[in-house]
Amino acid sequence: MYRKRGISMDREKDTWSYVNKWYLIIPLAFLTFFFVAPLVKMFYLSLFRFNGVNKPLGAFTLSNYDKFLKDGYYWGVLGKTVGLSFLSAIICVILGYPISYHLSRMQGKKKSIITAMVMLPLWVSITVRMFGLMTMIECGTYLAVEIGLVYCGLPYMIMILTGPIGNVSQSVEEASYVCGAGFWETFFKITFPLTIKGVISGFMLVFALNTAAFVVPVMLGSGKIVTMTTLIYQQATYIYDWGFAAAISVIFLIVSMALTNSGKLYDIYCEKRAERSSRILRDELRREGE
């Protein structure tokens, strides 16, 4: 009897494992197709010229890339986009870290209320939020766009930093105070280094989101501030030059991925540096013990 029950349970487990595999394969295939296919089609279109129609003209050509690379205006738009996104990510770190620090030290109902307040802007449409900002600040300036980018990225930064900061034991900070270190010395020598991976992760996410921002520069820029996203939209919808729009998208994608992955490289560097420091410390302690 027990043997039959064990066999039936094994068969049931095998059946569920088979079903679970398909549950994973189907959405994974769906996401892969709709992520890879548009990128392949975009790169394909970038190799053709378009003349005001949605049909490619002539054979393969690199003229779209040549047009971008040889025109200083487009390089300026790329530089402004990266600069705005980089600055907004730095501001989000500066503003978000203190909030995350205090939020990680809170408990109970108070923490739930503050967390809900931080998440509240994400529950409202970005179009509605940007329209609200339009009624409060002067639009058509880089400052307005920067405020909008910080406003959109700050909740993400706060939520990402709260976890790593919460993992830093308060007893470590208290031990630093007992040894005579002040608040700022403890922060820069203990707390911040222990949370640097979270800072890098938050910075990379906010930077990536803000480089791809479209509603913010459109509404707060009032057509006066051109970023890479608005430039792509103009080329595709107003000029109908899909080939050049696709080439801009490919270049922008490569630059964004390179800059984002540079943060990951710095993260790896910090890990190796921490391992080297701990190894040196262990060697010194071993020598003292001998």
Protein backbone atom coordinates (compact mmCIF):
# COMPACT_ATOMS: atom_id res chain seq x y z
CA MET A 1 0.00 0.00 0.00
CA TYR A 2 2.73 2.45 0.99
CA ARG A 3 4.73 1.42 -2.05
CA LYS A 4 1.83 2.19 -4.38
CA ARG A 5 1.30 5.54 -2.67
CA GLY A 6 5.01 6.35 -3.08
CA ILE A 7 4.90 5.46 -6.77
CA SER A 8 1.83 7.63 -7.34
CA MET A 9 3.45 10.55 -5.53
CA ASP A 10 6.59 10.20 -7.67
CA ARG A 11 4.47 10.19 -10.82
CA GLU A 12 2.61 13.27 -9.60
CA LYS A 13 5.90 15.07 -8.94
CA ASP A 14 7.17 14.16 -12.41
CA THR A 15 3.95 15.45 -13.96
CA TRP A 16 4.12 18.75 -12.09
CA SER A 17 7.80 19.20 -12.90
CA TYR A 18 6.97 18.67 -16.58
CA VAL A 19 4.11 21.19 -16.40
CA ASN A 20 6.28 23.71 -14.54
CA LYS A 21 8.94 23.47 -17.24
CA TRP A 22 6.37 24.39 -19.88
CA TYR A 23 5.07 27.21 -17.69
CA LEU A 24 8.62 28.59 -17.70
CA ILE A 25 9.42 27.92 -21.36
CA ILE A 26 6.31 29.60 -22.79
CA PRO A 27 6.70 33.04 -21.13
CA LEU A 28 10.47 32.90 -21.61
CA ALA A 29 10.02 32.24 -25.33
CA PHE A 30 7.42 35.01 -25.52
CA LEU A 31 9.71 37.56 -23.88
CA THR A 32 12.73 36.45 -25.88
CA PHE A 33 10.90 36.72 -29.20
CA PHE A 34 9.40 40.14 -28.54
CA PHE A 35 12.72 41.43 -27.22
CA VAL A 36 15.06 40.02 -29.86
CA ALA A 37 12.83 40.30 -32.94
CA PRO A 38 12.28 44.10 -32.71
CA LEU A 39 16.01 44.66 -32.20
CA VAL A 40 16.86 42.54 -35.24
CA LYS A 41 14.24 44.36 -37.33
CA MET A 42 15.51 47.72 -36.09
CA PHE A 43 19.09 46.88 -37.09
CA TYR A 44 17.84 45.63 -40.47
CA LEU A 45 15.97 48.89 -41.15
CA SER A 46 19.02 50.94 -40.18
CA LEU A 47 20.84 49.52 -43.22
CA PHE A 48 18.41 51.09 -45.71
CA ARG A 49 17.55 54.59 -46.82
CA PHE A 50 13.96 55.86 -46.66
CA ASN A 51 12.60 58.76 -48.68
CA GLY A 52 9.41 59.82 -46.95
CA VAL A 53 7.77 56.41 -47.30
CA ASN A 54 7.74 53.29 -45.18
CA LYS A 55 9.50 51.23 -47.84
CA PRO A 56 13.31 50.94 -48.03
CA LEU A 57 15.11 52.30 -51.08
CA GLY A 58 18.07 50.66 -52.77
CA ALA A 59 20.51 48.15 -51.32
CA PHE A 60 22.24 47.89 -47.96
CA THR A 61 24.05 51.04 -46.91
CA LEU A 62 25.79 52.53 -43.88
CA SER A 63 24.85 56.07 -44.84
CA ASN A 64 22.48 56.40 -41.87
CA TYR A 65 25.30 55.71 -39.42
CA ASP A 66 27.62 57.95 -41.40
CA LYS A 67 25.06 60.75 -41.21
CA PHE A 68 24.90 60.53 -37.42
CA LEU A 69 28.62 60.14 -36.79
CA LYS A 70 29.62 63.09 -38.99
CA ASP A 71 27.05 65.59 -37.69
CA GLY A 72 27.94 67.41 -34.48
CA TYR A 73 24.29 68.20 -33.77
CA TYR A 74 23.43 64.55 -33.16
CA TRP A 75 26.50 64.07 -30.99
CA GLY A 76 25.33 67.07 -28.98
CA VAL A 77 21.89 65.51 -28.49
CA LEU A 78 23.52 62.27 -27.34
CA GLY A 79 25.78 64.13 -24.93
CA LYS A 80 22.88 66.13 -23.48
CA THR A 81 20.82 62.97 -23.00
CA VAL A 82 23.64 61.16 -21.21
CA GLY A 83 24.46 64.26 -19.16
CA LEU A 84 20.88 64.79 -18.00
CA SER A 85 20.50 61.12 -17.08
CA PHE A 86 23.87 60.96 -15.31
CA LEU A 87 23.18 64.09 -13.27
CA SER A 88 19.67 62.95 -12.35
CA ALA A 89 21.03 59.60 -11.13
CA ILE A 90 23.62 61.36 -8.94
CA ILE A 91 20.96 63.67 -7.48
CA CYS A 92 18.73 60.65 -6.79
CA VAL A 93 21.58 59.02 -4.85
CA ILE A 94 22.18 62.19 -2.82
CA LEU A 95 18.48 62.70 -2.04
CA GLY A 96 17.52 59.05 -1.74
CA TYR A 97 20.28 57.79 0.53
CA PRO A 98 19.24 59.73 3.67
CA ILE A 99 15.61 58.73 3.16
CA SER A 100 16.57 55.08 2.66
CA TYR A 101 18.84 55.22 5.71
CA HIS A 102 16.08 56.40 8.04
CA LEU A 103 13.50 54.14 6.36
CA SER A 104 15.68 51.07 6.95
CA ARG A 105 15.91 51.95 10.65
CA MET A 106 12.14 52.33 11.06
CA GLN A 107 9.80 49.57 12.19
CA GLY A 108 6.11 48.80 12.31
CA LYS A 109 3.32 51.02 11.08
CA LYS A 110 5.51 54.10 10.64
CA LYS A 111 7.73 52.28 8.15
CA SER A 112 4.69 51.05 6.20
CA ILE A 113 3.29 54.58 5.94
CA ILE A 114 6.58 56.10 4.75
CA THR A 115 7.06 53.27 2.25
CA ALA A 116 3.57 53.85 0.87
CA MET A 117 4.30 57.57 0.53
CA VAL A 118 7.50 56.79 -1.40
CA MET A 119 5.67 54.38 -3.71
CA LEU A 120 2.63 56.63 -4.19
CA PRO A 121 3.96 58.49 -7.28
CA LEU A 122 4.46 55.16 -9.07
CA TRP A 123 0.75 54.41 -8.75
CA VAL A 124 -0.14 57.50 -10.79
CA SER A 125 0.28 57.77 -14.56
CA ILE A 126 3.51 59.51 -15.54
CA THR A 127 1.53 61.73 -17.93
CA VAL A 128 -0.63 62.96 -15.06
CA ARG A 129 2.42 63.55 -12.86
CA MET A 130 4.25 65.50 -15.57
CA PHE A 131 1.17 67.61 -16.26
CA GLY A 132 1.05 68.44 -12.57
CA LEU A 133 4.69 69.56 -12.72
CA MET A 134 3.92 71.66 -15.81
CA THR A 135 1.55 73.75 -13.69
CA MET A 136 4.25 74.41 -11.08
CA ILE A 137 7.53 75.00 -12.95
CA GLU A 138 8.66 76.82 -16.06
CA CYS A 139 8.80 74.35 -18.94
CA GLY A 140 11.10 74.36 -21.93
CA THR A 141 14.33 74.40 -19.91
CA TYR A 142 16.95 71.83 -18.99
CA LEU A 143 16.18 72.49 -15.33
CA ALA A 144 12.55 71.48 -15.84
CA VAL A 145 13.55 68.25 -17.57
CA GLU A 146 16.10 67.50 -14.85
CA ILE A 147 13.48 68.01 -12.13
CA GLY A 148 11.16 65.63 -13.95
CA LEU A 149 13.84 62.96 -14.30
CA VAL A 150 14.76 63.18 -10.61
CA TYR A 151 11.08 63.07 -9.66
CA CYS A 152 10.60 59.88 -11.69
CA GLY A 153 13.80 58.14 -10.59
CA LEU A 154 13.85 58.96 -6.87
CA PRO A 155 11.27 56.34 -5.72
CA TYR A 156 13.24 53.57 -7.46
CA MET A 157 16.47 54.74 -5.86
CA ILE A 158 14.95 54.85 -2.38
CA MET A 159 13.50 51.35 -2.61
CA ILE A 160 16.72 49.85 -3.99
CA LEU A 161 18.92 51.45 -1.31
CA THR A 162 16.66 50.52 1.61
CA GLY A 163 17.59 46.83 1.46
CA PRO A 164 21.41 47.14 1.42
CA ILE A 165 21.37 49.83 4.10
CA GLY A 166 19.10 47.69 6.26
CA ASN A 167 21.60 44.83 6.01
CA VAL A 168 24.26 46.95 7.74
CA SER A 169 24.07 46.03 11.40
CA GLN A 170 23.59 48.94 13.76
CA SER A 171 26.02 47.27 16.16
CA VAL A 172 28.79 47.87 13.61
CA GLU A 173 28.06 51.59 13.59
CA GLU A 174 27.78 51.64 17.38
CA ALA A 175 31.16 49.94 17.66
CA SER A 176 32.62 52.67 15.48
CA TYR A 177 31.16 55.33 17.76
CA VAL A 178 32.59 53.56 20.81
CA CYS A 179 36.03 53.64 19.17
CA GLY A 180 35.79 57.42 18.94
CA ALA A 181 34.63 57.89 15.35
CA GLY A 182 32.00 60.53 14.62
CA PHE A 183 28.90 60.17 12.48
CA TRP A 184 30.44 61.31 9.21
CA GLU A 185 33.61 59.27 9.70
CA THR A 186 31.51 56.19 10.42
CA PHE A 187 29.35 56.89 7.40
CA PHE A 188 32.16 57.32 4.88
CA LYS A 189 34.41 54.56 6.26
CA ILE A 190 31.85 51.91 7.24
CA THR A 191 28.22 52.48 6.20
CA PHE A 192 28.71 53.81 2.68
CA PRO A 193 31.40 51.26 1.64
CA LEU A 194 29.18 48.42 2.87
CA THR A 195 26.28 49.69 0.74
CA ILE A 196 28.24 50.67 -2.37
CA LYS A 197 26.82 47.73 -4.35
CA GLY A 198 23.29 48.96 -3.68
CA VAL A 199 24.29 52.49 -4.67
CA ILE A 200 25.74 51.23 -7.96
CA SER A 201 22.64 49.13 -8.66
CA GLY A 202 20.32 52.06 -7.97
CA PHE A 203 22.46 54.40 -10.04
CA MET A 204 22.50 52.01 -12.99
CA LEU A 205 18.73 51.50 -12.88
CA VAL A 206 17.85 55.20 -12.63
CA PHE A 207 20.39 56.09 -15.32
CA ALA A 208 18.98 53.45 -17.68
CA LEU A 209 15.38 54.53 -17.04
CA ASN A 210 16.13 58.22 -17.54
CA THR A 211 18.10 57.75 -20.74
CA ALA A 212 14.99 56.07 -22.15
CA ALA A 213 12.59 58.70 -20.78
CA PHE A 214 10.19 60.07 -23.39
CA VAL A 215 7.22 61.68 -21.64
CA VAL A 216 9.43 63.86 -19.42
CA PRO A 217 11.37 65.66 -22.21
CA VAL A 218 8.26 65.90 -24.40
CA MET A 219 6.03 67.51 -21.76
CA LEU A 220 8.54 69.44 -19.65
CA GLY A 221 10.82 70.24 -22.57
CA SER A 222 7.91 71.75 -24.54
CA GLY A 223 9.62 70.89 -27.83
CA LYS A 224 12.67 73.02 -26.97
CA ILE A 225 14.73 70.26 -25.34
CA VAL A 226 15.69 67.49 -27.74
CA THR A 227 16.87 64.16 -26.33
CA MET A 228 17.66 60.92 -28.10
CA THR A 229 14.17 59.52 -27.54
CA THR A 230 12.42 62.60 -28.93
CA LEU A 231 14.89 62.72 -31.84
CA ILE A 232 14.06 59.11 -32.75
CA TYR A 233 10.35 59.88 -32.54
CA GLN A 234 10.70 62.95 -34.77
CA GLN A 235 12.66 61.08 -37.41
CA ALA A 236 10.20 58.18 -37.49
CA THR A 237 6.85 60.01 -37.29
CA TYR A 238 7.39 63.48 -38.77
CA ILE A 239 10.17 62.97 -41.34
CA TYR A 240 9.33 59.30 -42.00
CA ASP A 241 13.01 58.43 -42.19
CA TRP A 242 12.75 55.05 -40.51
CA GLY A 243 16.26 54.05 -41.55
CA PHE A 244 17.89 56.99 -39.80
CA ALA A 245 15.60 56.59 -36.78
CA ALA A 246 16.64 52.93 -36.56
CA ALA A 247 20.32 53.86 -36.86
CA ILE A 248 19.96 56.41 -34.05
CA SER A 249 18.25 53.73 -31.94
CA VAL A 250 21.06 51.23 -32.54
CA ILE A 251 23.74 53.78 -31.64
CA PHE A 252 21.80 54.87 -28.57
CA LEU A 253 21.33 51.25 -27.49
CA ILE A 254 25.05 50.53 -27.78
CA VAL A 255 26.03 53.67 -25.84
CA SER A 256 23.44 53.02 -23.10
CA MET A 257 24.52 49.40 -22.65
CA ALA A 258 28.19 50.39 -22.56
CA LEU A 259 27.61 53.06 -19.91
CA THR A 260 25.33 50.84 -17.84
CA ASN A 261 27.76 47.91 -17.91
CA SER A 262 30.59 50.22 -16.86
CA GLY A 263 28.81 50.47 -13.51
CA LYS A 264 28.86 46.68 -13.28
CA LEU A 265 32.60 46.68 -13.98
CA TYR A 266 33.10 49.16 -11.13
CA ASP A 267 31.04 46.88 -8.91
CA ILE A 268 33.34 43.97 -9.76
CA TYR A 269 36.36 46.19 -9.04
CA CYS A 270 34.94 47.06 -5.60
CA GLU A 271 34.38 43.37 -4.82
CA LYS A 272 37.96 42.46 -5.74
CA ARG A 273 39.28 45.39 -3.74
CA ALA A 274 37.28 44.30 -0.69
CA GLU A 275 38.54 40.72 -1.07
CA ARG A 276 42.12 41.95 -1.32
CA SER A 277 41.71 44.13 1.78
CA SER A 278 40.21 41.27 3.79
CA ARG A 279 42.99 38.94 2.65
CA ILE A 280 45.65 41.46 3.76
CA LEU A 281 43.89 41.84 7.11
CA ARG A 282 43.78 38.06 7.63
CA ASP A 283 47.48 37.80 6.81
CA GLU A 284 48.33 40.51 9.33
CA LEU A 285 46.25 38.82 12.03
CA ARG A 286 47.93 35.49 11.27
CA ARG A 287 51.39 37.06 11.63
CA GLU A 288 50.43 38.63 14.94
CA GLY A 289 49.15 35.27 16.15
CA GLU A 290 52.42 33.58 15.26
